Amino acid sequence: MTEQTIARIRKFTEDRDWDQFHAPVHLAKSIVIEAAELLECFQWDDDKYDVEHVKEELADVMVYCQNLADKLGVEPDEIINKKMDQNEAKYPVEKAKGNSAKYNEL
């Protein structure tokens, strides 16, 4: 996300005085709820879905993720890159390419 987008999310929350409702547990619950709404877009047909609706639900998940990152005082780029380092170590290309097995089954 760009700094401009992050600032817009923060301003939206601040303007409405919603930070008081953003305990980490509430944000984590909201992420799961929105992720379920995203999954619902594919509930009855894996191939036919409304792309605009998918984008709206994906955006909701991402906004709540940014809110949780703010609440926890973490930088999304930092934690994502740290996790990618771990993933790259667990799933080396030479073992994982074209294979969906879990890292301990490669």
PDB file of N, CA and C in Angstrom:
ATOM      1  N   MET A   1       0.844  -1.178   0.000  1.00  0.00           N
ATOM      2  CA  MET A   1       0.000   0.000   0.000  1.00  0.00           C
ATOM      3  C   MET A   1       0.888   1.239   0.000  1.00  0.00           C
ATOM      4  N   THR A   2       0.435   2.254  -0.646  1.00  0.00           N
ATOM      5  CA  THR A   2       1.195   3.497  -0.656  1.00  0.00           C
ATOM      6  C   THR A   2       0.959   4.261   0.647  1.00  0.00           C
ATOM      7  N   GLU A   3       1.863   5.141   0.953  1.00  0.00           N
ATOM      8  CA  GLU A   3       1.693   5.979   2.151  1.00  0.00           C
ATOM      9  C   GLU A   3       0.415   6.811   2.059  1.00  0.00           C
ATOM     10  N   GLN A   4       0.062   7.227   0.860  1.00  0.00           N
ATOM     11  CA  GLN A   4      -1.168   8.012   0.670  1.00  0.00           C
ATOM     12  C   GLN A   4      -2.399   7.176   1.039  1.00  0.00           C
ATOM     13  N   THR A   5      -2.413   5.930   0.632  1.00  0.00           N
ATOM     14  CA  THR A   5      -3.540   5.047   0.953  1.00  0.00           C
ATOM     15  C   THR A   5      -3.592   4.772   2.451  1.00  0.00           C
ATOM     16  N   ILE A   6      -2.434   4.510   3.041  1.00  0.00           N
ATOM     17  CA  ILE A   6      -2.384   4.264   4.489  1.00  0.00           C
ATOM     18  C   ILE A   6      -2.870   5.489   5.247  1.00  0.00           C
ATOM     19  N   ALA A   7      -2.441   6.661   4.827  1.00  0.00           N
ATOM     20  CA  ALA A   7      -2.890   7.898   5.479  1.00  0.00           C
ATOM     21  C   ALA A   7      -4.403   8.066   5.350  1.00  0.00           C
ATOM     22  N   ARG A   8      -4.948   7.690   4.216  1.00  0.00           N
ATOM     23  CA  ARG A   8      -6.395   7.795   4.016  1.00  0.00           C
ATOM     24  C   ARG A   8      -7.145   6.859   4.950  1.00  0.00           C
ATOM     25  N   ILE A   9      -6.646   5.638   5.118  1.00  0.00           N
ATOM     26  CA  ILE A   9      -7.266   4.686   6.049  1.00  0.00           C
ATOM     27  C   ILE A   9      -7.218   5.242   7.467  1.00  0.00           C
ATOM     28  N   ARG A  10      -6.069   5.761   7.859  1.00  0.00           N
ATOM     29  CA  ARG A  10      -5.913   6.310   9.211  1.00  0.00           C
ATOM     30  C   ARG A  10      -6.840   7.498   9.431  1.00  0.00           C
ATOM     31  N   LYS A  11      -6.955   8.368   8.439  1.00  0.00           N
ATOM     32  CA  LYS A  11      -7.817   9.544   8.556  1.00  0.00           C
ATOM     33  C   LYS A  11      -9.281   9.123   8.665  1.00  0.00           C
ATOM     34  N   PHE A  12      -9.683   8.144   7.888  1.00  0.00           N
ATOM     35  CA  PHE A  12     -11.051   7.637   7.941  1.00  0.00           C
ATOM     36  C   PHE A  12     -11.394   7.194   9.365  1.00  0.00           C
ATOM     37  N   THR A  13     -10.493   6.427   9.971  1.00  0.00           N
ATOM     38  CA  THR A  13     -10.698   5.943  11.332  1.00  0.00           C
ATOM     39  C   THR A  13     -10.689   7.095  12.326  1.00  0.00           C
ATOM     40  N   GLU A  14      -9.727   7.982  12.193  1.00  0.00           N
ATOM     41  CA  GLU A  14      -9.597   9.119  13.113  1.00  0.00           C
ATOM     42  C   GLU A  14     -10.803  10.040  13.031  1.00  0.00           C
ATOM     43  N   ASP A  15     -11.251  10.367  11.831  1.00  0.00           N
ATOM     44  CA  ASP A  15     -12.389  11.283  11.651  1.00  0.00           C
ATOM     45  C   ASP A  15     -13.652  10.751  12.321  1.00  0.00           C
ATOM     46  N   ARG A  16     -13.775   9.464  12.425  1.00  0.00           N
ATOM     47  CA  ARG A  16     -14.971   8.851  12.997  1.00  0.00           C
ATOM     48  C   ARG A  16     -14.788   8.436  14.454  1.00  0.00           C
ATOM     49  N   ASP A  17     -13.610   8.696  14.998  1.00  0.00           N
ATOM     50  CA  ASP A  17     -13.266   8.325  16.376  1.00  0.00           C
ATOM     51  C   ASP A  17     -13.501   6.834  16.608  1.00  0.00           C
ATOM     52  N   TRP A  18     -13.056   6.019  15.654  1.00  0.00           N
ATOM     53  CA  TRP A  18     -13.263   4.585  15.731  1.00  0.00           C
ATOM     54  C   TRP A  18     -12.090   3.839  16.347  1.00  0.00           C
ATOM     55  N   ASP A  19     -10.981   4.524  16.608  1.00  0.00           N
ATOM     56  CA  ASP A  19      -9.837   3.829  17.194  1.00  0.00           C
ATOM     57  C   ASP A  19     -10.216   3.189  18.526  1.00  0.00           C
ATOM     58  N   GLN A  20     -11.163   3.787  19.218  1.00  0.00           N
ATOM     59  CA  GLN A  20     -11.600   3.239  20.511  1.00  0.00           C
ATOM     60  C   GLN A  20     -12.185   1.833  20.372  1.00  0.00           C
ATOM     61  N   PHE A  21     -12.617   1.480  19.173  1.00  0.00           N
ATOM     62  CA  PHE A  21     -13.196   0.160  18.936  1.00  0.00           C
ATOM     63  C   PHE A  21     -12.192  -0.823  18.341  1.00  0.00           C
ATOM     64  N   HIS A  22     -10.974  -0.344  18.118  1.00  0.00           N
ATOM     65  CA  HIS A  22      -9.990  -1.136  17.391  1.00  0.00           C
ATOM     66  C   HIS A  22      -8.990  -1.846  18.294  1.00  0.00           C
ATOM     67  N   ALA A  23      -9.485  -2.571  19.271  1.00  0.00           N
ATOM     68  CA  ALA A  23      -8.604  -3.445  20.038  1.00  0.00           C
ATOM     69  C   ALA A  23      -8.107  -4.532  19.085  1.00  0.00           C
ATOM     70  N   PRO A  24      -6.885  -5.015  19.277  1.00  0.00           N
ATOM     71  CA  PRO A  24      -6.371  -6.041  18.359  1.00  0.00           C
ATOM     72  C   PRO A  24      -7.323  -7.224  18.167  1.00  0.00           C
ATOM     73  N   VAL A  25      -7.946  -7.688  19.236  1.00  0.00           N
ATOM     74  CA  VAL A  25      -8.854  -8.823  19.110  1.00  0.00           C
ATOM     75  C   VAL A  25     -10.042  -8.490  18.210  1.00  0.00           C
ATOM     76  N   HIS A  26     -10.555  -7.269  18.292  1.00  0.00           N
ATOM     77  CA  HIS A  26     -11.689  -6.886  17.447  1.00  0.00           C
ATOM     78  C   HIS A  26     -11.270  -6.779  15.991  1.00  0.00           C
ATOM     79  N   LEU A  27     -10.076  -6.259  15.757  1.00  0.00           N
ATOM     80  CA  LEU A  27      -9.588  -6.155  14.382  1.00  0.00           C
ATOM     81  C   LEU A  27      -9.317  -7.537  13.798  1.00  0.00           C
ATOM     82  N   ALA A  28      -8.754  -8.439  14.607  1.00  0.00           N
ATOM     83  CA  ALA A  28      -8.508  -9.802  14.133  1.00  0.00           C
ATOM     84  C   ALA A  28      -9.833 -10.484  13.776  1.00  0.00           C
ATOM     85  N   LYS A  29     -10.837 -10.306  14.609  1.00  0.00           N
ATOM     86  CA  LYS A  29     -12.163 -10.866  14.313  1.00  0.00           C
ATOM     87  C   LYS A  29     -12.711 -10.272  13.019  1.00  0.00           C
ATOM     88  N   SER A  30     -12.535  -8.972  12.845  1.00  0.00           N
ATOM     89  CA  SER A  30     -13.044  -8.309  11.640  1.00  0.00           C
ATOM     90  C   SER A  30     -12.345  -8.817  10.387  1.00  0.00           C
ATOM     91  N   ILE A  31     -11.057  -9.100  10.494  1.00  0.00           N
ATOM     92  CA  ILE A  31     -10.322  -9.662   9.351  1.00  0.00           C
ATOM     93  C   ILE A  31     -10.926 -11.006   8.961  1.00  0.00           C
ATOM     94  N   VAL A  32     -11.188 -11.854   9.940  1.00  0.00           N
ATOM     95  CA  VAL A  32     -11.760 -13.172   9.660  1.00  0.00           C
ATOM     96  C   VAL A  32     -13.159 -13.042   9.058  1.00  0.00           C
ATOM     97  N   ILE A  33     -13.950 -12.153   9.592  1.00  0.00           N
ATOM     98  CA  ILE A  33     -15.309 -11.944   9.078  1.00  0.00           C
ATOM     99  C   ILE A  33     -15.260 -11.485   7.628  1.00  0.00           C
ATOM    100  N   GLU A  34     -14.399 -10.510   7.352  1.00  0.00           N
ATOM    101  CA  GLU A  34     -14.292 -10.007   5.975  1.00  0.00           C
ATOM    102  C   GLU A  34     -13.704 -11.056   5.045  1.00  0.00           C
ATOM    103  N   ALA A  35     -12.762 -11.872   5.555  1.00  0.00           N
ATOM    104  CA  ALA A  35     -12.208 -12.949   4.735  1.00  0.00           C
ATOM    105  C   ALA A  35     -13.295 -13.970   4.391  1.00  0.00           C
ATOM    106  N   ALA A  36     -14.194 -14.220   5.327  1.00  0.00           N
ATOM    107  CA  ALA A  36     -15.312 -15.127   5.053  1.00  0.00           C
ATOM    108  C   ALA A  36     -16.231 -14.527   3.983  1.00  0.00           C
ATOM    109  N   GLU A  37     -16.435 -13.221   4.030  1.00  0.00           N
ATOM    110  CA  GLU A  37     -17.242 -12.570   2.993  1.00  0.00           C
ATOM    111  C   GLU A  37     -16.545 -12.655   1.638  1.00  0.00           C
ATOM    112  N   LEU A  38     -15.236 -12.582   1.628  1.00  0.00           N
ATOM    113  CA  LEU A  38     -14.474 -12.756   0.394  1.00  0.00           C
ATOM    114  C   LEU A  38     -14.669 -14.176  -0.136  1.00  0.00           C
ATOM    115  N   LEU A  39     -14.555 -15.153   0.736  1.00  0.00           N
ATOM    116  CA  LEU A  39     -14.746 -16.545   0.339  1.00  0.00           C
ATOM    117  C   LEU A  39     -16.161 -16.785  -0.178  1.00  0.00           C
ATOM    118  N   GLU A  40     -17.114 -16.101   0.405  1.00  0.00           N
ATOM    119  CA  GLU A  40     -18.508 -16.259  -0.014  1.00  0.00           C
ATOM    120  C   GLU A  40     -18.691 -15.904  -1.492  1.00  0.00           C
ATOM    121  N   CYS A  41     -17.853 -15.035  -2.012  1.00  0.00           N
ATOM    122  CA  CYS A  41     -17.932 -14.663  -3.431  1.00  0.00           C
ATOM    123  C   CYS A  41     -17.751 -15.873  -4.341  1.00  0.00           C
ATOM    124  N   PHE A  42     -17.097 -16.915  -3.830  1.00  0.00           N
ATOM    125  CA  PHE A  42     -16.800 -18.113  -4.609  1.00  0.00           C
ATOM    126  C   PHE A  42     -17.607 -19.321  -4.133  1.00  0.00           C
ATOM    127  N   GLN A  43     -18.609 -19.095  -3.306  1.00  0.00           N
ATOM    128  CA  GLN A  43     -19.306 -20.180  -2.615  1.00  0.00           C
ATOM    129  C   GLN A  43     -19.905 -21.231  -3.551  1.00  0.00           C
ATOM    130  N   TRP A  44     -20.574 -20.792  -4.594  1.00  0.00           N
ATOM    131  CA  TRP A  44     -21.313 -21.752  -5.403  1.00  0.00           C
ATOM    132  C   TRP A  44     -20.689 -22.044  -6.759  1.00  0.00           C
ATOM    133  N   ASP A  45     -19.717 -21.262  -7.139  1.00  0.00           N
ATOM    134  CA  ASP A  45     -19.102 -21.489  -8.447  1.00  0.00           C
ATOM    135  C   ASP A  45     -17.671 -20.975  -8.410  1.00  0.00           C
ATOM    136  N   ASP A  46     -16.728 -21.851  -8.610  1.00  0.00           N
ATOM    137  CA  ASP A  46     -15.313 -21.482  -8.554  1.00  0.00           C
ATOM    138  C   ASP A  46     -14.893 -20.589  -9.715  1.00  0.00           C
ATOM    139  N   ASP A  47     -15.623 -20.671 -10.820  1.00  0.00           N
ATOM    140  CA  ASP A  47     -15.211 -19.967 -12.032  1.00  0.00           C
ATOM    141  C   ASP A  47     -16.023 -18.716 -12.352  1.00  0.00           C
ATOM    142  N   LYS A  48     -17.247 -18.660 -11.838  1.00  0.00           N
ATOM    143  CA  LYS A  48     -18.108 -17.506 -12.128  1.00  0.00           C
ATOM    144  C   LYS A  48     -18.277 -16.706 -10.849  1.00  0.00           C
ATOM    145  N   TYR A  49     -17.673 -15.539 -10.820  1.00  0.00           N
ATOM    146  CA  TYR A  49     -17.773 -14.675  -9.658  1.00  0.00           C
ATOM    147  C   TYR A  49     -17.733 -13.230 -10.122  1.00  0.00           C
ATOM    148  N   ASP A  50     -18.230 -12.366  -9.282  1.00  0.00           N
ATOM    149  CA  ASP A  50     -18.294 -10.940  -9.567  1.00  0.00           C
ATOM    150  C   ASP A  50     -16.969 -10.301  -9.138  1.00  0.00           C
ATOM    151  N   VAL A  51     -16.139  -9.961 -10.092  1.00  0.00           N
ATOM    152  CA  VAL A  51     -14.813  -9.426  -9.801  1.00  0.00           C
ATOM    153  C   VAL A  51     -14.907  -8.154  -8.956  1.00  0.00           C
ATOM    154  N   GLU A  52     -15.871  -7.317  -9.218  1.00  0.00           N
ATOM    155  CA  GLU A  52     -16.009  -6.081  -8.446  1.00  0.00           C
ATOM    156  C   GLU A  52     -16.324  -6.382  -6.985  1.00  0.00           C
ATOM    157  N   HIS A  53     -17.176  -7.353  -6.756  1.00  0.00           N
ATOM    158  CA  HIS A  53     -17.509  -7.735  -5.380  1.00  0.00           C
ATOM    159  C   HIS A  53     -16.281  -8.342  -4.692  1.00  0.00           C
ATOM    160  N   VAL A  54     -15.544  -9.167  -5.412  1.00  0.00           N
ATOM    161  CA  VAL A  54     -14.308  -9.752  -4.872  1.00  0.00           C
ATOM    162  C   VAL A  54     -13.347  -8.632  -4.472  1.00  0.00           C
ATOM    163  N   LYS A  55     -13.192  -7.642  -5.318  1.00  0.00           N
ATOM    164  CA  LYS A  55     -12.277  -6.527  -5.019  1.00  0.00           C
ATOM    165  C   LYS A  55     -12.727  -5.749  -3.783  1.00  0.00           C
ATOM    166  N   GLU A  56     -14.033  -5.548  -3.632  1.00  0.00           N
ATOM    167  CA  GLU A  56     -14.544  -4.844  -2.451  1.00  0.00           C
ATOM    168  C   GLU A  56     -14.237  -5.617  -1.169  1.00  0.00           C
ATOM    169  N   GLU A  57     -14.474  -6.919  -1.196  1.00  0.00           N
ATOM    170  CA  GLU A  57     -14.217  -7.726   0.004  1.00  0.00           C
ATOM    171  C   GLU A  57     -12.720  -7.839   0.288  1.00  0.00           C
ATOM    172  N   LEU A  58     -11.915  -7.969  -0.740  1.00  0.00           N
ATOM    173  CA  LEU A  58     -10.466  -8.005  -0.559  1.00  0.00           C
ATOM    174  C   LEU A  58      -9.972  -6.688   0.038  1.00  0.00           C
ATOM    175  N   ALA A  59     -10.527  -5.579  -0.426  1.00  0.00           N
ATOM    176  CA  ALA A  59     -10.162  -4.272   0.128  1.00  0.00           C
ATOM    177  C   ALA A  59     -10.533  -4.185   1.605  1.00  0.00           C
ATOM    178  N   ASP A  60     -11.697  -4.707   1.978  1.00  0.00           N
ATOM    179  CA  ASP A  60     -12.088  -4.700   3.393  1.00  0.00           C
ATOM    180  C   ASP A  60     -11.062  -5.455   4.240  1.00  0.00           C
ATOM    181  N   VAL A  61     -10.631  -6.625   3.761  1.00  0.00           N
ATOM    182  CA  VAL A  61      -9.627  -7.406   4.488  1.00  0.00           C
ATOM    183  C   VAL A  61      -8.345  -6.591   4.633  1.00  0.00           C
ATOM    184  N   MET A  62      -7.917  -5.972   3.558  1.00  0.00           N
ATOM    185  CA  MET A  62      -6.665  -5.222   3.577  1.00  0.00           C
ATOM    186  C   MET A  62      -6.730  -3.999   4.497  1.00  0.00           C
ATOM    187  N   VAL A  63      -7.876  -3.332   4.526  1.00  0.00           N
ATOM    188  CA  VAL A  63      -8.033  -2.173   5.417  1.00  0.00           C
ATOM    189  C   VAL A  63      -7.942  -2.614   6.874  1.00  0.00           C
ATOM    190  N   TYR A  64      -8.638  -3.691   7.213  1.00  0.00           N
ATOM    191  CA  TYR A  64      -8.561  -4.178   8.590  1.00  0.00           C
ATOM    192  C   TYR A  64      -7.145  -4.648   8.933  1.00  0.00           C
ATOM    193  N   CYS A  65      -6.453  -5.243   7.976  1.00  0.00           N
ATOM    194  CA  CYS A  65      -5.059  -5.647   8.219  1.00  0.00           C
ATOM    195  C   CYS A  65      -4.187  -4.427   8.506  1.00  0.00           C
ATOM    196  N   GLN A  66      -4.385  -3.351   7.760  1.00  0.00           N
ATOM    197  CA  GLN A  66      -3.616  -2.134   8.004  1.00  0.00           C
ATOM    198  C   GLN A  66      -3.964  -1.554   9.375  1.00  0.00           C
ATOM    199  N   ASN A  67      -5.238  -1.579   9.725  1.00  0.00           N
ATOM    200  CA  ASN A  67      -5.639  -1.089  11.050  1.00  0.00           C
ATOM    201  C   ASN A  67      -4.982  -1.901  12.164  1.00  0.00           C
ATOM    202  N   LEU A  68      -4.923  -3.226  11.990  1.00  0.00           N
ATOM    203  CA  LEU A  68      -4.288  -4.069  13.002  1.00  0.00           C
ATOM    204  C   LEU A  68      -2.784  -3.799  13.063  1.00  0.00           C
ATOM    205  N   ALA A  69      -2.152  -3.639  11.925  1.00  0.00           N
ATOM    206  CA  ALA A  69      -0.724  -3.301  11.912  1.00  0.00           C
ATOM    207  C   ALA A  69      -0.482  -1.996  12.665  1.00  0.00           C
ATOM    208  N   ASP A  70      -1.333  -1.003  12.434  1.00  0.00           N
ATOM    209  CA  ASP A  70      -1.210   0.269  13.160  1.00  0.00           C
ATOM    210  C   ASP A  70      -1.370   0.060  14.661  1.00  0.00           C
ATOM    211  N   LYS A  71      -2.392  -0.700  15.031  1.00  0.00           N
ATOM    212  CA  LYS A  71      -2.672  -0.916  16.454  1.00  0.00           C
ATOM    213  C   LYS A  71      -1.511  -1.626  17.143  1.00  0.00           C
ATOM    214  N   LEU A  72      -0.873  -2.545  16.426  1.00  0.00           N
ATOM    215  CA  LEU A  72       0.246  -3.289  16.997  1.00  0.00           C
ATOM    216  C   LEU A  72       1.583  -2.558  16.849  1.00  0.00           C
ATOM    217  N   GLY A  73       1.571  -1.461  16.095  1.00  0.00           N
ATOM    218  CA  GLY A  73       2.797  -0.692  15.894  1.00  0.00           C
ATOM    219  C   GLY A  73       3.824  -1.413  15.040  1.00  0.00           C
ATOM    220  N   VAL A  74       3.349  -2.168  14.066  1.00  0.00           N
ATOM    221  CA  VAL A  74       4.257  -2.876  13.171  1.00  0.00           C
ATOM    222  C   VAL A  74       4.146  -2.321  11.757  1.00  0.00           C
ATOM    223  N   GLU A  75       5.229  -2.466  11.011  1.00  0.00           N
ATOM    224  CA  GLU A  75       5.261  -2.015   9.621  1.00  0.00           C
ATOM    225  C   GLU A  75       4.943  -3.200   8.712  1.00  0.00           C
ATOM    226  N   PRO A  76       3.886  -3.092   7.905  1.00  0.00           N
ATOM    227  CA  PRO A  76       3.520  -4.210   7.031  1.00  0.00           C
ATOM    228  C   PRO A  76       4.672  -4.703   6.151  1.00  0.00           C
ATOM    229  N   ASP A  77       5.424  -3.804   5.535  1.00  0.00           N
ATOM    230  CA  ASP A  77       6.532  -4.247   4.685  1.00  0.00           C
ATOM    231  C   ASP A  77       7.538  -5.072   5.480  1.00  0.00           C
ATOM    232  N   GLU A  78       7.824  -4.643   6.688  1.00  0.00           N
ATOM    233  CA  GLU A  78       8.800  -5.349   7.524  1.00  0.00           C
ATOM    234  C   GLU A  78       8.320  -6.753   7.877  1.00  0.00           C
ATOM    235  N   ILE A  79       7.073  -6.878   8.332  1.00  0.00           N
ATOM    236  CA  ILE A  79       6.603  -8.196   8.748  1.00  0.00           C
ATOM    237  C   ILE A  79       6.357  -9.111   7.546  1.00  0.00           C
ATOM    238  N   ILE A  80       5.937  -8.538   6.429  1.00  0.00           N
ATOM    239  CA  ILE A  80       5.737  -9.347   5.218  1.00  0.00           C
ATOM    240  C   ILE A  80       7.083  -9.874   4.717  1.00  0.00           C
ATOM    241  N   ASN A  81       8.095  -9.012   4.673  1.00  0.00           N
ATOM    242  CA  ASN A  81       9.406  -9.457   4.200  1.00  0.00           C
ATOM    243  C   ASN A  81      10.030 -10.479   5.147  1.00  0.00           C
ATOM    244  N   LYS A  82       9.834 -10.309   6.434  1.00  0.00           N
ATOM    245  CA  LYS A  82      10.336 -11.301   7.390  1.00  0.00           C
ATOM    246  C   LYS A  82       9.672 -12.653   7.141  1.00  0.00           C
ATOM    247  N   LYS A  83       8.361 -12.638   6.925  1.00  0.00           N
ATOM    248  CA  LYS A  83       7.634 -13.877   6.653  1.00  0.00           C
ATOM    249  C   LYS A  83       8.056 -14.473   5.316  1.00  0.00           C
ATOM    250  N   MET A  84       8.306 -13.638   4.317  1.00  0.00           N
ATOM    251  CA  MET A  84       8.763 -14.147   3.021  1.00  0.00           C
ATOM    252  C   MET A  84      10.131 -14.800   3.150  1.00  0.00           C
ATOM    253  N   ASP A  85      11.012 -14.244   3.982  1.00  0.00           N
ATOM    254  CA  ASP A  85      12.310 -14.885   4.247  1.00  0.00           C
ATOM    255  C   ASP A  85      12.095 -16.282   4.815  1.00  0.00           C
ATOM    256  N   GLN A  86      11.176 -16.404   5.767  1.00  0.00           N
ATOM    257  CA  GLN A  86      10.881 -17.700   6.372  1.00  0.00           C
ATOM    258  C   GLN A  86      10.296 -18.669   5.330  1.00  0.00           C
ATOM    259  N   ASN A  87       9.361 -18.161   4.519  1.00  0.00           N
ATOM    260  CA  ASN A  87       8.736 -18.994   3.492  1.00  0.00           C
ATOM    261  C   ASN A  87       9.755 -19.479   2.466  1.00  0.00           C
ATOM    262  N   GLU A  88      10.653 -18.589   2.058  1.00  0.00           N
ATOM    263  CA  GLU A  88      11.670 -18.975   1.079  1.00  0.00           C
ATOM    264  C   GLU A  88      12.598 -20.052   1.639  1.00  0.00           C
ATOM    265  N   ALA A  89      12.876 -19.993   2.927  1.00  0.00           N
ATOM    266  CA  ALA A  89      13.712 -21.017   3.556  1.00  0.00           C
ATOM    267  C   ALA A  89      12.965 -22.350   3.663  1.00  0.00           C
ATOM    268  N   LYS A  90      11.669 -22.293   3.976  1.00  0.00           N
ATOM    269  CA  LYS A  90      10.877 -23.509   4.127  1.00  0.00           C
ATOM    270  C   LYS A  90      10.519 -24.139   2.779  1.00  0.00           C
ATOM    271  N   TYR A  91      10.402 -23.314   1.759  1.00  0.00           N
ATOM    272  CA  TYR A  91       9.971 -23.774   0.443  1.00  0.00           C
ATOM    273  C   TYR A  91      11.004 -23.401  -0.628  1.00  0.00           C
ATOM    274  N   PRO A  92      12.180 -24.024  -0.610  1.00  0.00           N
ATOM    275  CA  PRO A  92      13.177 -23.707  -1.630  1.00  0.00           C
ATOM    276  C   PRO A  92      12.646 -24.082  -3.016  1.00  0.00           C
ATOM    277  N   VAL A  93      12.970 -23.262  -3.990  1.00  0.00           N
ATOM    278  CA  VAL A  93      12.459 -23.455  -5.353  1.00  0.00           C
ATOM    279  C   VAL A  93      12.719 -24.872  -5.844  1.00  0.00           C
ATOM    280  N   GLU A  94      13.922 -25.361  -5.613  1.00  0.00           N
ATOM    281  CA  GLU A  94      14.271 -26.693  -6.149  1.00  0.00           C
ATOM    282  C   GLU A  94      13.407 -27.816  -5.578  1.00  0.00           C
ATOM    283  N   LYS A  95      12.793 -27.608  -4.427  1.00  0.00           N
ATOM    284  CA  LYS A  95      11.914 -28.625  -3.844  1.00  0.00           C
ATOM    285  C   LYS A  95      10.438 -28.299  -4.049  1.00  0.00           C
ATOM    286  N   ALA A  96      10.089 -27.035  -4.046  1.00  0.00           N
ATOM    287  CA  ALA A  96       8.684 -26.642  -4.000  1.00  0.00           C
ATOM    288  C   ALA A  96       8.074 -26.286  -5.351  1.00  0.00           C
ATOM    289  N   LYS A  97       8.890 -26.047  -6.341  1.00  0.00           N
ATOM    290  CA  LYS A  97       8.354 -25.597  -7.632  1.00  0.00           C
ATOM    291  C   LYS A  97       7.348 -26.612  -8.184  1.00  0.00           C
ATOM    292  N   GLY A  98       6.132 -26.141  -8.424  1.00  0.00           N
ATOM    293  CA  GLY A  98       5.078 -26.973  -8.974  1.00  0.00           C
ATOM    294  C   GLY A  98       4.516 -27.992  -7.995  1.00  0.00           C
ATOM    295  N   ASN A  99       4.832 -27.847  -6.716  1.00  0.00           N
ATOM    296  CA  ASN A  99       4.420 -28.816  -5.714  1.00  0.00           C
ATOM    297  C   ASN A  99       3.655 -28.073  -4.601  1.00  0.00           C
ATOM    298  N   SER A 100       2.471 -28.534  -4.276  1.00  0.00           N
ATOM    299  CA  SER A 100       1.663 -27.855  -3.255  1.00  0.00           C
ATOM    300  C   SER A 100       1.803 -28.480  -1.874  1.00  0.00           C
ATOM    301  N   ALA A 101       2.728 -29.413  -1.715  1.00  0.00           N
ATOM    302  CA  ALA A 101       2.903 -30.073  -0.419  1.00  0.00           C
ATOM    303  C   ALA A 101       3.399 -29.092   0.626  1.00  0.00           C
ATOM    304  N   LYS A 102       3.047 -29.362   1.875  1.00  0.00           N
ATOM    305  CA  LYS A 102       3.530 -28.556   2.982  1.00  0.00           C
ATOM    306  C   LYS A 102       5.046 -28.750   3.126  1.00  0.00           C
ATOM    307  N   TYR A 103       5.722 -27.739   3.660  1.00  0.00           N
ATOM    308  CA  TYR A 103       7.189 -27.740   3.721  1.00  0.00           C
ATOM    309  C   TYR A 103       7.767 -29.003   4.360  1.00  0.00           C
ATOM    310  N   ASN A 104       7.090 -29.565   5.351  1.00  0.00           N
ATOM    311  CA  ASN A 104       7.639 -30.739   6.024  1.00  0.00           C
ATOM    312  C   ASN A 104       7.366 -32.033   5.240  1.00  0.00           C
ATOM    313  N   GLU A 105       6.711 -31.894   4.103  1.00  0.00           N
ATOM    314  CA  GLU A 105       6.430 -33.058   3.255  1.00  0.00           C
ATOM    315  C   GLU A 105       7.166 -32.990   1.928  1.00  0.00           C
ATOM    316  N   LEU A 106       7.993 -31.973   1.748  1.00  0.00           N
ATOM    317  CA  LEU A 106       8.731 -31.823   0.483  1.00  0.00           C
ATOM    318  C   LEU A 106       9.887 -32.794   0.403  1.00  0.00           C
TER     319      LEU A 106
END
